[in-house]
Amino acid sequence: MQCVLEGCPKLRKLEIRDSPFGNAALLAGRDKYEAMRSLWMSACYVTVKGCRALAREMPRLNVEVIVDEEDESLADKIYVYRSVAGPRRDAPPFVLTP
């Protein structure tokens, strides 16, 4: 994932599905996310703990997580985006904002 982020400096949106990427990949690209509009990951091997680490290290990004129904430690879907308005106040209850 880091190769894609570094090799595509004008990348603004990235969607990754059904990938073996995990926390290491998510956190390795964190310095590129503020220049992007959004990152969407689904059915990857990212944990809620990894999402919390990203949210803690990059406070200007909004990190929204939908937890896997079978394993609550896994993030089934992740949406990372920047917003001048700050975190959403209208997120549904099943969306975690670590």
PDB file of N, CA and C in Angstrom:
ATOM      1  N   MET A   1       0.829  -1.185   0.000  1.00  0.00           N
ATOM      2  CA  MET A   1       0.000   0.000   0.000  1.00  0.00           C
ATOM      3  C   MET A   1       0.873   1.248   0.000  1.00  0.00           C
ATOM      4  N   GLN A   2       1.967   1.207   0.725  1.00  0.00           N
ATOM      5  CA  GLN A   2       2.858   2.355   0.778  1.00  0.00           C
ATOM      6  C   GLN A   2       3.452   2.648  -0.598  1.00  0.00           C
ATOM      7  N   CYS A   3       3.712   1.610  -1.374  1.00  0.00           N
ATOM      8  CA  CYS A   3       4.235   1.802  -2.736  1.00  0.00           C
ATOM      9  C   CYS A   3       3.231   2.561  -3.594  1.00  0.00           C
ATOM     10  N   VAL A   4       1.963   2.242  -3.460  1.00  0.00           N
ATOM     11  CA  VAL A   4       0.921   2.947  -4.216  1.00  0.00           C
ATOM     12  C   VAL A   4       0.867   4.407  -3.778  1.00  0.00           C
ATOM     13  N   LEU A   5       0.874   4.644  -2.481  1.00  0.00           N
ATOM     14  CA  LEU A   5       0.782   6.010  -1.973  1.00  0.00           C
ATOM     15  C   LEU A   5       1.988   6.852  -2.379  1.00  0.00           C
ATOM     16  N   GLU A   6       3.177   6.264  -2.334  1.00  0.00           N
ATOM     17  CA  GLU A   6       4.378   7.002  -2.712  1.00  0.00           C
ATOM     18  C   GLU A   6       4.514   7.132  -4.223  1.00  0.00           C
ATOM     19  N   GLY A   7       4.053   6.138  -4.966  1.00  0.00           N
ATOM     20  CA  GLY A   7       4.176   6.152  -6.419  1.00  0.00           C
ATOM     21  C   GLY A   7       3.136   6.995  -7.120  1.00  0.00           C
ATOM     22  N   CYS A   8       2.101   7.381  -6.406  1.00  0.00           N
ATOM     23  CA  CYS A   8       1.018   8.190  -6.992  1.00  0.00           C
ATOM     24  C   CYS A   8       0.848   9.460  -6.164  1.00  0.00           C
ATOM     25  N   PRO A   9       1.737  10.439  -6.328  1.00  0.00           N
ATOM     26  CA  PRO A   9       1.684  11.628  -5.466  1.00  0.00           C
ATOM     27  C   PRO A   9       0.416  12.466  -5.620  1.00  0.00           C
ATOM     28  N   LYS A  10      -0.290  12.325  -6.734  1.00  0.00           N
ATOM     29  CA  LYS A  10      -1.522  13.097  -6.938  1.00  0.00           C
ATOM     30  C   LYS A  10      -2.773  12.314  -6.549  1.00  0.00           C
ATOM     31  N   LEU A  11      -2.595  11.157  -5.948  1.00  0.00           N
ATOM     32  CA  LEU A  11      -3.720  10.319  -5.543  1.00  0.00           C
ATOM     33  C   LEU A  11      -4.592  11.062  -4.533  1.00  0.00           C
ATOM     34  N   ARG A  12      -5.894  11.100  -4.778  1.00  0.00           N
ATOM     35  CA  ARG A  12      -6.806  11.794  -3.875  1.00  0.00           C
ATOM     36  C   ARG A  12      -7.798  10.858  -3.207  1.00  0.00           C
ATOM     37  N   LYS A  13      -8.183   9.791  -3.883  1.00  0.00           N
ATOM     38  CA  LYS A  13      -9.124   8.823  -3.309  1.00  0.00           C
ATOM     39  C   LYS A  13      -8.556   7.429  -3.520  1.00  0.00           C
ATOM     40  N   LEU A  14      -8.649   6.603  -2.487  1.00  0.00           N
ATOM     41  CA  LEU A  14      -8.178   5.225  -2.593  1.00  0.00           C
ATOM     42  C   LEU A  14      -9.201   4.317  -1.932  1.00  0.00           C
ATOM     43  N   GLU A  15      -9.602   3.288  -2.650  1.00  0.00           N
ATOM     44  CA  GLU A  15     -10.546   2.297  -2.129  1.00  0.00           C
ATOM     45  C   GLU A  15      -9.888   0.931  -2.234  1.00  0.00           C
ATOM     46  N   ILE A  16      -9.819   0.223  -1.110  1.00  0.00           N
ATOM     47  CA  ILE A  16      -9.186  -1.093  -1.059  1.00  0.00           C
ATOM     48  C   ILE A  16     -10.192  -2.082  -0.494  1.00  0.00           C
ATOM     49  N   ARG A  17     -10.408  -3.173  -1.218  1.00  0.00           N
ATOM     50  CA  ARG A  17     -11.361  -4.203  -0.774  1.00  0.00           C
ATOM     51  C   ARG A  17     -10.704  -5.572  -0.814  1.00  0.00           C
ATOM     52  N   ASP A  18     -11.097  -6.424   0.131  1.00  0.00           N
ATOM     53  CA  ASP A  18     -10.655  -7.822   0.156  1.00  0.00           C
ATOM     54  C   ASP A  18      -9.147  -7.949  -0.010  1.00  0.00           C
ATOM     55  N   SER A  19      -8.426  -7.238   0.807  1.00  0.00           N
ATOM     56  CA  SER A  19      -6.971  -7.203   0.714  1.00  0.00           C
ATOM     57  C   SER A  19      -6.351  -7.767   1.992  1.00  0.00           C
ATOM     58  N   PRO A  20      -5.153  -8.315   1.900  1.00  0.00           N
ATOM     59  CA  PRO A  20      -4.478  -8.793   3.106  1.00  0.00           C
ATOM     60  C   PRO A  20      -3.861  -7.665   3.935  1.00  0.00           C
ATOM     61  N   PHE A  21      -4.021  -6.410   3.519  1.00  0.00           N
ATOM     62  CA  PHE A  21      -3.450  -5.294   4.269  1.00  0.00           C
ATOM     63  C   PHE A  21      -4.017  -5.260   5.681  1.00  0.00           C
ATOM     64  N   GLY A  22      -3.158  -4.910   6.623  1.00  0.00           N
ATOM     65  CA  GLY A  22      -3.561  -4.831   8.021  1.00  0.00           C
ATOM     66  C   GLY A  22      -3.140  -3.511   8.636  1.00  0.00           C
ATOM     67  N   ASN A  23      -2.937  -3.530   9.947  1.00  0.00           N
ATOM     68  CA  ASN A  23      -2.578  -2.317  10.677  1.00  0.00           C
ATOM     69  C   ASN A  23      -1.288  -1.692  10.172  1.00  0.00           C
ATOM     70  N   ALA A  24      -0.294  -2.522   9.867  1.00  0.00           N
ATOM     71  CA  ALA A  24       0.996  -1.995   9.412  1.00  0.00           C
ATOM     72  C   ALA A  24       0.826  -1.172   8.141  1.00  0.00           C
ATOM     73  N   ALA A  25       0.041  -1.667   7.208  1.00  0.00           N
ATOM     74  CA  ALA A  25      -0.196  -0.936   5.954  1.00  0.00           C
ATOM     75  C   ALA A  25      -0.980   0.346   6.218  1.00  0.00           C
ATOM     76  N   LEU A  26      -2.006   0.262   7.060  1.00  0.00           N
ATOM     77  CA  LEU A  26      -2.815   1.440   7.377  1.00  0.00           C
ATOM     78  C   LEU A  26      -1.952   2.537   7.993  1.00  0.00           C
ATOM     79  N   LEU A  27      -1.122   2.173   8.946  1.00  0.00           N
ATOM     80  CA  LEU A  27      -0.318   3.163   9.659  1.00  0.00           C
ATOM     81  C   LEU A  27       0.890   3.628   8.855  1.00  0.00           C
ATOM     82  N   ALA A  28       1.392   2.804   7.950  1.00  0.00           N
ATOM     83  CA  ALA A  28       2.562   3.181   7.146  1.00  0.00           C
ATOM     84  C   ALA A  28       2.255   4.349   6.218  1.00  0.00           C
ATOM     85  N   GLY A  29       1.025   4.481   5.787  1.00  0.00           N
ATOM     86  CA  GLY A  29       0.671   5.548   4.857  1.00  0.00           C
ATOM     87  C   GLY A  29       0.111   6.792   5.503  1.00  0.00           C
ATOM     88  N   ARG A  30       0.126   6.853   6.820  1.00  0.00           N
ATOM     89  CA  ARG A  30      -0.571   7.932   7.530  1.00  0.00           C
ATOM     90  C   ARG A  30      -0.112   9.334   7.136  1.00  0.00           C
ATOM     91  N   ASP A  31       1.146   9.507   6.759  1.00  0.00           N
ATOM     92  CA  ASP A  31       1.612  10.845   6.394  1.00  0.00           C
ATOM     93  C   ASP A  31       1.049  11.311   5.053  1.00  0.00           C
ATOM     94  N   LYS A  32       0.490  10.414   4.259  1.00  0.00           N
ATOM     95  CA  LYS A  32      -0.089  10.764   2.954  1.00  0.00           C
ATOM     96  C   LYS A  32      -1.589  11.069   3.038  1.00  0.00           C
ATOM     97  N   TYR A  33      -2.262  10.634   4.090  1.00  0.00           N
ATOM     98  CA  TYR A  33      -3.720  10.731   4.159  1.00  0.00           C
ATOM     99  C   TYR A  33      -4.241  12.166   4.219  1.00  0.00           C
ATOM    100  N   GLU A  34      -3.493  13.071   4.836  1.00  0.00           N
ATOM    101  CA  GLU A  34      -3.975  14.450   4.933  1.00  0.00           C
ATOM    102  C   GLU A  34      -4.026  15.139   3.573  1.00  0.00           C
ATOM    103  N   ALA A  35      -3.221  14.686   2.621  1.00  0.00           N
ATOM    104  CA  ALA A  35      -3.231  15.260   1.272  1.00  0.00           C
ATOM    105  C   ALA A  35      -4.330  14.640   0.408  1.00  0.00           C
ATOM    106  N   MET A  36      -4.921  13.560   0.881  1.00  0.00           N
ATOM    107  CA  MET A  36      -5.962  12.860   0.123  1.00  0.00           C
ATOM    108  C   MET A  36      -7.345  13.320   0.574  1.00  0.00           C
ATOM    109  N   ARG A  37      -8.335  13.084  -0.277  1.00  0.00           N
ATOM    110  CA  ARG A  37      -9.725  13.342   0.122  1.00  0.00           C
ATOM    111  C   ARG A  37     -10.237  12.230   1.005  1.00  0.00           C
ATOM    112  N   SER A  38      -9.941  10.964   0.621  1.00  0.00           N
ATOM    113  CA  SER A  38     -10.477   9.864   1.418  1.00  0.00           C
ATOM    114  C   SER A  38      -9.751   8.551   1.165  1.00  0.00           C
ATOM    115  N   LEU A  39      -9.850   7.689   2.158  1.00  0.00           N
ATOM    116  CA  LEU A  39      -9.376   6.308   2.081  1.00  0.00           C
ATOM    117  C   LEU A  39     -10.518   5.432   2.579  1.00  0.00           C
ATOM    118  N   TRP A  40     -10.882   4.428   1.796  1.00  0.00           N
ATOM    119  CA  TRP A  40     -11.927   3.478   2.165  1.00  0.00           C
ATOM    120  C   TRP A  40     -11.299   2.098   2.132  1.00  0.00           C
ATOM    121  N   MET A  41     -11.406   1.363   3.220  1.00  0.00           N
ATOM    122  CA  MET A  41     -10.915  -0.013   3.264  1.00  0.00           C
ATOM    123  C   MET A  41     -12.044  -0.901   3.767  1.00  0.00           C
ATOM    124  N   SER A  42     -12.255  -2.030   3.093  1.00  0.00           N
ATOM    125  CA  SER A  42     -13.260  -2.981   3.560  1.00  0.00           C
ATOM    126  C   SER A  42     -12.744  -4.396   3.366  1.00  0.00           C
ATOM    127  N   ALA A  43     -13.126  -5.260   4.295  1.00  0.00           N
ATOM    128  CA  ALA A  43     -12.733  -6.671   4.276  1.00  0.00           C
ATOM    129  C   ALA A  43     -11.220  -6.832   4.218  1.00  0.00           C
ATOM    130  N   CYS A  44     -10.520  -6.025   5.001  1.00  0.00           N
ATOM    131  CA  CYS A  44      -9.071  -6.145   5.135  1.00  0.00           C
ATOM    132  C   CYS A  44      -8.777  -6.675   6.539  1.00  0.00           C
ATOM    133  N   TYR A  45      -7.537  -6.691   6.936  1.00  0.00           N
ATOM    134  CA  TYR A  45      -7.167  -7.221   8.245  1.00  0.00           C
ATOM    135  C   TYR A  45      -6.746  -6.109   9.205  1.00  0.00           C
ATOM    136  N   VAL A  46      -7.480  -5.030   9.199  1.00  0.00           N
ATOM    137  CA  VAL A  46      -7.221  -3.902  10.084  1.00  0.00           C
ATOM    138  C   VAL A  46      -8.062  -4.083  11.343  1.00  0.00           C
ATOM    139  N   THR A  47      -7.467  -3.802  12.491  1.00  0.00           N
ATOM    140  CA  THR A  47      -8.189  -3.938  13.754  1.00  0.00           C
ATOM    141  C   THR A  47      -8.696  -2.576  14.231  1.00  0.00           C
ATOM    142  N   VAL A  48      -9.626  -2.617  15.163  1.00  0.00           N
ATOM    143  CA  VAL A  48     -10.128  -1.391  15.775  1.00  0.00           C
ATOM    144  C   VAL A  48      -8.979  -0.686  16.493  1.00  0.00           C
ATOM    145  N   LYS A  49      -8.084  -1.456  17.089  1.00  0.00           N
ATOM    146  CA  LYS A  49      -6.921  -0.888  17.775  1.00  0.00           C
ATOM    147  C   LYS A  49      -6.046  -0.103  16.795  1.00  0.00           C
ATOM    148  N   GLY A  50      -5.854  -0.637  15.598  1.00  0.00           N
ATOM    149  CA  GLY A  50      -5.082   0.066  14.574  1.00  0.00           C
ATOM    150  C   GLY A  50      -5.756   1.364  14.152  1.00  0.00           C
ATOM    151  N   CYS A  51      -7.074   1.340  14.054  1.00  0.00           N
ATOM    152  CA  CYS A  51      -7.835   2.546  13.697  1.00  0.00           C
ATOM    153  C   CYS A  51      -7.727   3.596  14.795  1.00  0.00           C
ATOM    154  N   ARG A  52      -7.758   3.153  16.039  1.00  0.00           N
ATOM    155  CA  ARG A  52      -7.609   4.093  17.159  1.00  0.00           C
ATOM    156  C   ARG A  52      -6.224   4.724  17.149  1.00  0.00           C
ATOM    157  N   ALA A  53      -5.210   3.923  16.814  1.00  0.00           N
ATOM    158  CA  ALA A  53      -3.846   4.451  16.731  1.00  0.00           C
ATOM    159  C   ALA A  53      -3.755   5.520  15.641  1.00  0.00           C
ATOM    160  N   LEU A  54      -4.364   5.263  14.490  1.00  0.00           N
ATOM    161  CA  LEU A  54      -4.363   6.250  13.407  1.00  0.00           C
ATOM    162  C   LEU A  54      -5.079   7.526  13.847  1.00  0.00           C
ATOM    163  N   ALA A  55      -6.230   7.397  14.466  1.00  0.00           N
ATOM    164  CA  ALA A  55      -6.990   8.565  14.922  1.00  0.00           C
ATOM    165  C   ALA A  55      -6.200   9.368  15.958  1.00  0.00           C
ATOM    166  N   ARG A  56      -5.486   8.680  16.817  1.00  0.00           N
ATOM    167  CA  ARG A  56      -4.692   9.346  17.852  1.00  0.00           C
ATOM    168  C   ARG A  56      -3.499  10.088  17.234  1.00  0.00           C
ATOM    169  N   GLU A  57      -2.830   9.450  16.265  1.00  0.00           N
ATOM    170  CA  GLU A  57      -1.637  10.036  15.654  1.00  0.00           C
ATOM    171  C   GLU A  57      -1.965  11.118  14.626  1.00  0.00           C
ATOM    172  N   MET A  58      -3.155  11.075  14.055  1.00  0.00           N
ATOM    173  CA  MET A  58      -3.547  12.025  13.010  1.00  0.00           C
ATOM    174  C   MET A  58      -4.868  12.695  13.403  1.00  0.00           C
ATOM    175  N   PRO A  59      -4.859  13.576  14.387  1.00  0.00           N
ATOM    176  CA  PRO A  59      -6.107  14.134  14.914  1.00  0.00           C
ATOM    177  C   PRO A  59      -6.889  15.003  13.928  1.00  0.00           C
ATOM    178  N   ARG A  60      -6.259  15.463  12.851  1.00  0.00           N
ATOM    179  CA  ARG A  60      -6.991  16.283  11.874  1.00  0.00           C
ATOM    180  C   ARG A  60      -7.777  15.439  10.873  1.00  0.00           C
ATOM    181  N   LEU A  61      -7.612  14.126  10.950  1.00  0.00           N
ATOM    182  CA  LEU A  61      -8.367  13.226  10.076  1.00  0.00           C
ATOM    183  C   LEU A  61      -9.573  12.672  10.818  1.00  0.00           C
ATOM    184  N   ASN A  62     -10.637  12.441  10.110  1.00  0.00           N
ATOM    185  CA  ASN A  62     -11.791  11.734  10.665  1.00  0.00           C
ATOM    186  C   ASN A  62     -11.620  10.264  10.327  1.00  0.00           C
ATOM    187  N   VAL A  63     -11.703   9.420  11.317  1.00  0.00           N
ATOM    188  CA  VAL A  63     -11.593   7.973  11.138  1.00  0.00           C
ATOM    189  C   VAL A  63     -12.912   7.365  11.599  1.00  0.00           C
ATOM    190  N   GLU A  64     -13.623   6.739  10.667  1.00  0.00           N
ATOM    191  CA  GLU A  64     -14.903   6.102  10.985  1.00  0.00           C
ATOM    192  C   GLU A  64     -14.775   4.609  10.742  1.00  0.00           C
ATOM    193  N   VAL A  65     -15.271   3.818  11.682  1.00  0.00           N
ATOM    194  CA  VAL A  65     -15.096   2.370  11.644  1.00  0.00           C
ATOM    195  C   VAL A  65     -16.438   1.671  11.820  1.00  0.00           C
ATOM    196  N   ILE A  66     -16.684   0.681  10.985  1.00  0.00           N
ATOM    197  CA  ILE A  66     -17.810  -0.231  11.172  1.00  0.00           C
ATOM    198  C   ILE A  66     -17.193  -1.569  11.549  1.00  0.00           C
ATOM    199  N   VAL A  67     -17.551  -2.062  12.718  1.00  0.00           N
ATOM    200  CA  VAL A  67     -16.942  -3.269  13.277  1.00  0.00           C
ATOM    201  C   VAL A  67     -17.505  -4.519  12.609  1.00  0.00           C
ATOM    202  N   ASP A  68     -16.655  -5.524  12.460  1.00  0.00           N
ATOM    203  CA  ASP A  68     -17.055  -6.826  11.919  1.00  0.00           C
ATOM    204  C   ASP A  68     -18.037  -7.478  12.885  1.00  0.00           C
ATOM    205  N   GLU A  69     -19.144  -7.978  12.381  1.00  0.00           N
ATOM    206  CA  GLU A  69     -20.174  -8.587  13.234  1.00  0.00           C
ATOM    207  C   GLU A  69     -19.690  -9.870  13.900  1.00  0.00           C
ATOM    208  N   GLU A  70     -18.794 -10.604  13.248  1.00  0.00           N
ATOM    209  CA  GLU A  70     -18.320 -11.875  13.791  1.00  0.00           C
ATOM    210  C   GLU A  70     -17.141 -11.704  14.740  1.00  0.00           C
ATOM    211  N   ASP A  71     -16.332 -10.679  14.535  1.00  0.00           N
ATOM    212  CA  ASP A  71     -15.156 -10.440  15.371  1.00  0.00           C
ATOM    213  C   ASP A  71     -15.067  -8.942  15.643  1.00  0.00           C
ATOM    214  N   GLU A  72     -15.467  -8.530  16.830  1.00  0.00           N
ATOM    215  CA  GLU A  72     -15.539  -7.107  17.153  1.00  0.00           C
ATOM    216  C   GLU A  72     -14.184  -6.426  17.245  1.00  0.00           C
ATOM    217  N   SER A  73     -13.089  -7.190  17.227  1.00  0.00           N
ATOM    218  CA  SER A  73     -11.771  -6.565  17.250  1.00  0.00           C
ATOM    219  C   SER A  73     -11.341  -6.130  15.849  1.00  0.00           C
ATOM    220  N   LEU A  74     -12.019  -6.662  14.808  1.00  0.00           N
ATOM    221  CA  LEU A  74     -11.687  -6.303  13.426  1.00  0.00           C
ATOM    222  C   LEU A  74     -12.580  -5.178  12.926  1.00  0.00           C
ATOM    223  N   ALA A  75     -11.974  -4.308  12.145  1.00  0.00           N
ATOM    224  CA  ALA A  75     -12.729  -3.242  11.489  1.00  0.00           C
ATOM    225  C   ALA A  75     -13.171  -3.762  10.131  1.00  0.00           C
ATOM    226  N   ASP A  76     -14.465  -3.942   9.949  1.00  0.00           N
ATOM    227  CA  ASP A  76     -14.973  -4.448   8.672  1.00  0.00           C
ATOM    228  C   ASP A  76     -14.843  -3.393   7.581  1.00  0.00           C
ATOM    229  N   LYS A  77     -15.170  -2.158   7.925  1.00  0.00           N
ATOM    230  CA  LYS A  77     -15.072  -1.049   6.976  1.00  0.00           C
ATOM    231  C   LYS A  77     -14.449   0.148   7.680  1.00  0.00           C
ATOM    232  N   ILE A  78     -13.575   0.835   6.958  1.00  0.00           N
ATOM    233  CA  ILE A  78     -12.900   2.012   7.499  1.00  0.00           C
ATOM    234  C   ILE A  78     -13.020   3.138   6.483  1.00  0.00           C
ATOM    235  N   TYR A  79     -13.383   4.299   6.957  1.00  0.00           N
ATOM    236  CA  TYR A  79     -13.449   5.478   6.101  1.00  0.00           C
ATOM    237  C   TYR A  79     -12.627   6.564   6.777  1.00  0.00           C
ATOM    238  N   VAL A  80     -11.567   6.990   6.114  1.00  0.00           N
ATOM    239  CA  VAL A  80     -10.672   8.021   6.636  1.00  0.00           C
ATOM    240  C   VAL A  80     -10.768   9.213   5.691  1.00  0.00           C
ATOM    241  N   TYR A  81     -11.018  10.380   6.241  1.00  0.00           N
ATOM    242  CA  TYR A  81     -11.132  11.570   5.398  1.00  0.00           C
ATOM    243  C   TYR A  81     -10.781  12.810   6.201  1.00  0.00           C
ATOM    244  N   ARG A  82     -10.453  13.851   5.472  1.00  0.00           N
ATOM    245  CA  ARG A  82     -10.168  15.128   6.123  1.00  0.00           C
ATOM    246  C   ARG A  82     -11.389  16.027   5.967  1.00  0.00           C
ATOM    247  N   SER A  83     -11.595  16.860   6.953  1.00  0.00           N
ATOM    248  CA  SER A  83     -12.744  17.758   6.918  1.00  0.00           C
ATOM    249  C   SER A  83     -12.444  18.975   7.780  1.00  0.00           C
ATOM    250  N   VAL A  84     -12.712  20.154   7.249  1.00  0.00           N
ATOM    251  CA  VAL A  84     -12.515  21.365   8.044  1.00  0.00           C
ATOM    252  C   VAL A  84     -13.579  21.485   9.130  1.00  0.00           C
ATOM    253  N   ALA A  85     -14.675  20.752   8.966  1.00  0.00           N
ATOM    254  CA  ALA A  85     -15.768  20.793   9.943  1.00  0.00           C
ATOM    255  C   ALA A  85     -15.491  19.932  11.175  1.00  0.00           C
ATOM    256  N   GLY A  86     -14.455  19.091  11.119  1.00  0.00           N
ATOM    257  CA  GLY A  86     -14.159  18.221  12.252  1.00  0.00           C
ATOM    258  C   GLY A  86     -14.975  16.945  12.211  1.00  0.00           C
ATOM    259  N   PRO A  87     -14.996  16.202  13.308  1.00  0.00           N
ATOM    260  CA  PRO A  87     -15.718  14.922  13.345  1.00  0.00           C
ATOM    261  C   PRO A  87     -17.224  15.100  13.161  1.00  0.00           C
ATOM    262  N   ARG A  88     -17.831  14.096  12.573  1.00  0.00           N
ATOM    263  CA  ARG A  88     -19.290  14.099  12.389  1.00  0.00           C
ATOM    264  C   ARG A  88     -20.002  13.994  13.725  1.00  0.00           C
ATOM    265  N   ARG A  89     -21.104  14.646  13.822  1.00  0.00           N
ATOM    266  CA  ARG A  89     -21.939  14.550  15.024  1.00  0.00           C
ATOM    267  C   ARG A  89     -23.191  13.723  14.737  1.00  0.00           C
ATOM    268  N   ASP A  90     -23.371  13.348  13.465  1.00  0.00           N
ATOM    269  CA  ASP A  90     -24.586  12.639  13.070  1.00  0.00           C
ATOM    270  C   ASP A  90     -24.328  11.189  12.664  1.00  0.00           C
ATOM    271  N   ALA A  91     -23.202  10.630  13.084  1.00  0.00           N
ATOM    272  CA  ALA A  91     -22.882   9.248  12.714  1.00  0.00           C
ATOM    273  C   ALA A  91     -23.878   8.291  13.362  1.00  0.00           C
ATOM    274  N   PRO A  92     -24.325   7.280  12.616  1.00  0.00           N
ATOM    275  CA  PRO A  92     -25.225   6.286  13.213  1.00  0.00           C
ATOM    276  C   PRO A  92     -24.509   5.508  14.319  1.00  0.00           C
ATOM    277  N   PRO A  93     -25.252   4.876  15.218  1.00  0.00           N
ATOM    278  CA  PRO A  93     -24.647   4.205  16.372  1.00  0.00           C
ATOM    279  C   PRO A  93     -23.684   3.069  16.018  1.00  0.00           C
ATOM    280  N   PHE A  94     -23.828   2.456  14.854  1.00  0.00           N
ATOM    281  CA  PHE A  94     -22.943   1.346  14.500  1.00  0.00           C
ATOM    282  C   PHE A  94     -21.606   1.823  13.928  1.00  0.00           C
ATOM    283  N   VAL A  95     -21.431   3.128  13.772  1.00  0.00           N
ATOM    284  CA  VAL A  95     -20.172   3.682  13.276  1.00  0.00           C
ATOM    285  C   VAL A  95     -19.366   4.189  14.464  1.00  0.00           C
ATOM    286  N   LEU A  96     -18.182   3.618  14.658  1.00  0.00           N
ATOM    287  CA  LEU A  96     -17.293   4.055  15.728  1.00  0.00           C
ATOM    288  C   LEU A  96     -16.426   5.188  15.211  1.00  0.00           C
ATOM    289  N   THR A  97     -16.212   6.175  16.034  1.00  0.00           N
ATOM    290  CA  THR A  97     -15.287   7.251  15.704  1.00  0.00           C
ATOM    291  C   THR A  97     -14.246   7.298  16.816  1.00  0.00           C
ATOM    292  N   PRO A  98     -13.199   6.462  16.662  1.00  0.00           N
ATOM    293  CA  PRO A  98     -12.217   6.314  17.749  1.00  0.00           C
ATOM    294  C   PRO A  98     -11.546   7.571  18.043  1.00  0.00           C
TER     295      PRO A  98
END
